[in-house]
């Protein structure tokens, strides 16, 4: 007898759950209808074209296509030119600071110093730029390479 009593309680609970779910879905649909504009309102609006075309243009503009070898190579070339420019800037800044302190780089070692700076900047450039908000290097961003 306990089993029948337990089953009756379970069926009553499941019926209550079904009724609660139905009322929730009805209430939710009422809220959605109140916030969404009618088709007539959209068609009568002078901004109807803007509502449909603006998001599509924005999606197309921000879409990136998987790029091939040439695009990736070009993006890498842009990054290397940027790194080279940074290397020269750092090199002359260090050389200027040393000059102000009364020191100078020994003759014949300027090239080695510039090479060391280039390697260090090259090793740091990709990890630093890919952890920024862009999540990619500047060359990839300029050429829209994924």
C-alpha atoms as a PDB file:
ATOM      1  CA  UNK A   1       0.000   0.000   0.000  1.00  0.00           C
ATOM      2  CA  UNK A   2       2.848   2.358   0.609  1.00  0.00           C
ATOM      3  CA  UNK A   3       3.899   1.994  -2.978  1.00  0.00           C
ATOM      4  CA  UNK A   4       0.479   3.120  -4.275  1.00  0.00           C
ATOM      5  CA  UNK A   5       0.468   6.068  -1.851  1.00  0.00           C
ATOM      6  CA  UNK A   6       3.946   7.045  -2.951  1.00  0.00           C
ATOM      7  CA  UNK A   7       2.947   6.818  -6.608  1.00  0.00           C
ATOM      8  CA  UNK A   8      -0.075   9.045  -6.025  1.00  0.00           C
ATOM      9  CA  UNK A   9       2.114  11.651  -4.350  1.00  0.00           C
ATOM     10  CA  UNK A  10       4.593  11.466  -7.243  1.00  0.00           C
ATOM     11  CA  UNK A  11       1.874  11.922  -9.852  1.00  0.00           C
ATOM     12  CA  UNK A  12       0.455  14.892  -7.941  1.00  0.00           C
ATOM     13  CA  UNK A  13       3.923  16.469  -7.770  1.00  0.00           C
ATOM     14  CA  UNK A  14       4.558  15.881 -11.473  1.00  0.00           C
ATOM     15  CA  UNK A  15       1.172  17.367 -12.381  1.00  0.00           C
ATOM     16  CA  UNK A  16       1.978  20.438 -10.266  1.00  0.00           C
ATOM     17  CA  UNK A  17       5.355  20.736 -12.001  1.00  0.00           C
ATOM     18  CA  UNK A  18       3.711  20.568 -15.430  1.00  0.00           C
ATOM     19  CA  UNK A  19       1.199  23.242 -14.454  1.00  0.00           C
ATOM     20  CA  UNK A  20       4.001  25.485 -13.128  1.00  0.00           C
ATOM     21  CA  UNK A  21       6.013  25.077 -16.324  1.00  0.00           C
ATOM     22  CA  UNK A  22       2.997  25.982 -18.450  1.00  0.00           C
ATOM     23  CA  UNK A  23       2.340  29.137 -16.474  1.00  0.00           C
ATOM     24  CA  UNK A  24       5.968  30.162 -16.678  1.00  0.00           C
ATOM     25  CA  UNK A  25       6.078  29.712 -20.431  1.00  0.00           C
ATOM     26  CA  UNK A  26       2.857  31.710 -20.848  1.00  0.00           C
ATOM     27  CA  UNK A  27       4.239  34.504 -18.659  1.00  0.00           C
ATOM     28  CA  UNK A  28       7.512  34.531 -20.586  1.00  0.00           C
ATOM     29  CA  UNK A  29       5.733  34.761 -23.930  1.00  0.00           C
ATOM     30  CA  UNK A  30       3.707  37.715 -22.666  1.00  0.00           C
ATOM     31  CA  UNK A  31       6.879  39.550 -21.644  1.00  0.00           C
ATOM     32  CA  UNK A  32       8.526  38.834 -24.988  1.00  0.00           C
ATOM     33  CA  UNK A  33       5.549  40.113 -26.966  1.00  0.00           C
ATOM     34  CA  UNK A  34       5.553  43.354 -25.023  1.00  0.00           C
ATOM     35  CA  UNK A  35       9.213  44.122 -25.720  1.00  0.00           C
ATOM     36  CA  UNK A  36       9.417  43.047 -29.379  1.00  0.00           C
ATOM     37  CA  UNK A  37       8.137  45.452 -32.020  1.00  0.00           C
ATOM     38  CA  UNK A  38       5.388  44.271 -34.347  1.00  0.00           C
ATOM     39  CA  UNK A  39       6.043  43.641 -38.018  1.00  0.00           C
ATOM     40  CA  UNK A  40       3.830  46.603 -38.864  1.00  0.00           C
ATOM     41  CA  UNK A  41       5.826  48.903 -36.595  1.00  0.00           C
ATOM     42  CA  UNK A  42       9.069  47.881 -38.261  1.00  0.00           C
ATOM     43  CA  UNK A  43       7.690  48.301 -41.787  1.00  0.00           C
ATOM     44  CA  UNK A  44       6.172  51.702 -40.994  1.00  0.00           C
ATOM     45  CA  UNK A  45       9.412  52.890 -39.436  1.00  0.00           C
ATOM     46  CA  UNK A  46      11.666  54.993 -41.667  1.00  0.00           C
ATOM     47  CA  UNK A  47      14.637  53.161 -40.161  1.00  0.00           C
ATOM     48  CA  UNK A  48      13.486  49.752 -41.460  1.00  0.00           C
ATOM     49  CA  UNK A  49      16.391  49.532 -43.910  1.00  0.00           C
ATOM     50  CA  UNK A  50      18.888  50.514 -41.219  1.00  0.00           C
ATOM     51  CA  UNK A  51      17.593  47.813 -38.884  1.00  0.00           C
ATOM     52  CA  UNK A  52      18.299  45.098 -41.430  1.00  0.00           C
ATOM     53  CA  UNK A  53      21.382  46.376 -43.281  1.00  0.00           C
ATOM     54  CA  UNK A  54      23.495  47.833 -40.456  1.00  0.00           C
ATOM     55  CA  UNK A  55      24.128  44.572 -38.540  1.00  0.00           C
ATOM     56  CA  UNK A  56      24.870  42.712 -41.779  1.00  0.00           C
ATOM     57  CA  UNK A  57      27.390  45.332 -42.900  1.00  0.00           C
ATOM     58  CA  UNK A  58      29.022  45.223 -39.468  1.00  0.00           C
ATOM     59  CA  UNK A  59      29.282  41.425 -39.572  1.00  0.00           C
ATOM     60  CA  UNK A  60      30.791  41.434 -43.052  1.00  0.00           C
ATOM     61  CA  UNK A  61      33.227  44.197 -42.121  1.00  0.00           C
ATOM     62  CA  UNK A  62      34.533  42.355 -39.054  1.00  0.00           C
ATOM     63  CA  UNK A  63      34.636  38.910 -40.624  1.00  0.00           C
ATOM     64  CA  UNK A  64      38.037  37.396 -41.122  1.00  0.00           C
ATOM     65  CA  UNK A  65      38.767  34.825 -43.765  1.00  0.00           C
ATOM     66  CA  UNK A  66      41.306  32.070 -43.298  1.00  0.00           C
ATOM     67  CA  UNK A  67      44.349  33.261 -45.136  1.00  0.00           C
ATOM     68  CA  UNK A  68      46.788  31.442 -47.311  1.00  0.00           C
ATOM     69  CA  UNK A  69      50.551  31.365 -47.407  1.00  0.00           C
ATOM     70  CA  UNK A  70      51.032  34.687 -49.203  1.00  0.00           C
ATOM     71  CA  UNK A  71      48.879  36.663 -46.768  1.00  0.00           C
ATOM     72  CA  UNK A  72      50.551  35.073 -43.745  1.00  0.00           C
ATOM     73  CA  UNK A  73      54.013  35.620 -45.219  1.00  0.00           C
ATOM     74  CA  UNK A  74      53.207  39.270 -45.910  1.00  0.00           C
ATOM     75  CA  UNK A  75      51.847  39.742 -42.372  1.00  0.00           C
ATOM     76  CA  UNK A  76      55.031  38.192 -40.978  1.00  0.00           C
ATOM     77  CA  UNK A  77      57.123  40.466 -43.202  1.00  0.00           C
ATOM     78  CA  UNK A  78      55.264  43.505 -41.834  1.00  0.00           C
ATOM     79  CA  UNK A  79      55.907  42.276 -38.293  1.00  0.00           C
ATOM     80  CA  UNK A  80      59.629  41.793 -39.008  1.00  0.00           C
ATOM     81  CA  UNK A  81      59.945  45.309 -40.435  1.00  0.00           C
ATOM     82  CA  UNK A  82      58.246  46.652 -37.315  1.00  0.00           C
ATOM     83  CA  UNK A  83      60.600  44.648 -35.082  1.00  0.00           C
ATOM     84  CA  UNK A  84      63.586  45.936 -37.052  1.00  0.00           C
ATOM     85  CA  UNK A  85      62.404  49.515 -36.551  1.00  0.00           C
ATOM     86  CA  UNK A  86      61.975  48.863 -32.815  1.00  0.00           C
ATOM     87  CA  UNK A  87      65.460  47.337 -32.709  1.00  0.00           C
ATOM     88  CA  UNK A  88      66.993  50.432 -34.279  1.00  0.00           C
ATOM     89  CA  UNK A  89      65.106  52.685 -31.872  1.00  0.00           C
ATOM     90  CA  UNK A  90      66.270  50.662 -28.859  1.00  0.00           C
ATOM     91  CA  UNK A  91      69.824  50.481 -30.208  1.00  0.00           C
ATOM     92  CA  UNK A  92      70.138  54.244 -30.634  1.00  0.00           C
ATOM     93  CA  UNK A  93      68.430  54.894 -27.293  1.00  0.00           C
ATOM     94  CA  UNK A  94      70.905  52.612 -25.492  1.00  0.00           C
ATOM     95  CA  UNK A  95      73.809  54.123 -27.417  1.00  0.00           C
ATOM     96  CA  UNK A  96      72.633  57.641 -26.473  1.00  0.00           C
ATOM     97  CA  UNK A  97      72.220  56.736 -22.798  1.00  0.00           C
ATOM     98  CA  UNK A  98      75.693  55.195 -22.721  1.00  0.00           C
ATOM     99  CA  UNK A  99      77.121  58.303 -24.413  1.00  0.00           C
ATOM    100  CA  UNK A 100      75.485  60.556 -21.795  1.00  0.00           C
ATOM    101  CA  UNK A 101      77.088  58.435 -19.066  1.00  0.00           C
ATOM    102  CA  UNK A 102      80.477  58.812 -20.680  1.00  0.00           C
ATOM    103  CA  UNK A 103      80.563  55.266 -22.042  1.00  0.00           C
ATOM    104  CA  UNK A 104      80.386  53.872 -25.513  1.00  0.00           C
ATOM    105  CA  UNK A 105      79.986  50.545 -27.202  1.00  0.00           C
ATOM    106  CA  UNK A 106      83.324  49.041 -28.153  1.00  0.00           C
ATOM    107  CA  UNK A 107      84.070  49.332 -31.847  1.00  0.00           C
ATOM    108  CA  UNK A 108      83.207  46.191 -33.727  1.00  0.00           C
ATOM    109  CA  UNK A 109      80.570  45.101 -31.180  1.00  0.00           C
ATOM    110  CA  UNK A 110      77.773  47.414 -32.308  1.00  0.00           C
ATOM    111  CA  UNK A 111      76.482  44.843 -34.789  1.00  0.00           C
ATOM    112  CA  UNK A 112      76.446  42.103 -32.142  1.00  0.00           C
ATOM    113  CA  UNK A 113      74.574  44.350 -29.745  1.00  0.00           C
ATOM    114  CA  UNK A 114      71.978  45.200 -32.405  1.00  0.00           C
ATOM    115  CA  UNK A 115      71.613  41.490 -33.261  1.00  0.00           C
ATOM    116  CA  UNK A 116      71.049  40.592 -29.606  1.00  0.00           C
ATOM    117  CA  UNK A 117      68.420  43.321 -29.308  1.00  0.00           C
ATOM    118  CA  UNK A 118      66.722  42.092 -32.507  1.00  0.00           C
ATOM    119  CA  UNK A 119      66.576  38.494 -31.260  1.00  0.00           C
ATOM    120  CA  UNK A 120      65.221  39.518 -27.855  1.00  0.00           C
ATOM    121  CA  UNK A 121      62.561  41.777 -29.397  1.00  0.00           C
ATOM    122  CA  UNK A 122      61.657  39.071 -31.919  1.00  0.00           C
ATOM    123  CA  UNK A 123      61.188  36.514 -29.131  1.00  0.00           C
ATOM    124  CA  UNK A 124      59.033  38.877 -27.070  1.00  0.00           C
ATOM    125  CA  UNK A 125      56.979  40.478 -29.860  1.00  0.00           C
ATOM    126  CA  UNK A 126      54.523  37.661 -30.654  1.00  0.00           C
ATOM    127  CA  UNK A 127      53.729  36.650 -27.046  1.00  0.00           C
ATOM    128  CA  UNK A 128      53.238  40.274 -26.005  1.00  0.00           C
ATOM    129  CA  UNK A 129      51.050  41.261 -28.969  1.00  0.00           C
ATOM    130  CA  UNK A 130      48.927  38.104 -28.819  1.00  0.00           C
ATOM    131  CA  UNK A 131      48.106  38.686 -25.150  1.00  0.00           C
ATOM    132  CA  UNK A 132      46.767  42.186 -25.854  1.00  0.00           C
ATOM    133  CA  UNK A 133      43.166  43.039 -26.661  1.00  0.00           C
ATOM    134  CA  UNK A 134      43.720  42.356 -30.389  1.00  0.00           C
ATOM    135  CA  UNK A 135      44.881  38.768 -29.811  1.00  0.00           C
ATOM    136  CA  UNK A 136      47.119  38.965 -32.876  1.00  0.00           C
ATOM    137  CA  UNK A 137      50.208  40.695 -34.179  1.00  0.00           C
ATOM    138  CA  UNK A 138      50.021  44.077 -35.874  1.00  0.00           C
ATOM    139  CA  UNK A 139      50.853  42.573 -39.280  1.00  0.00           C
ATOM    140  CA  UNK A 140      47.963  40.116 -38.983  1.00  0.00           C
ATOM    141  CA  UNK A 141      45.658  42.912 -37.868  1.00  0.00           C
ATOM    142  CA  UNK A 142      46.623  45.184 -40.771  1.00  0.00           C
ATOM    143  CA  UNK A 143      46.094  42.437 -43.351  1.00  0.00           C
ATOM    144  CA  UNK A 144      43.048  40.890 -41.572  1.00  0.00           C
ATOM    145  CA  UNK A 145      44.739  37.515 -41.353  1.00  0.00           C
ATOM    146  CA  UNK A 146      43.072  35.011 -39.040  1.00  0.00           C
END
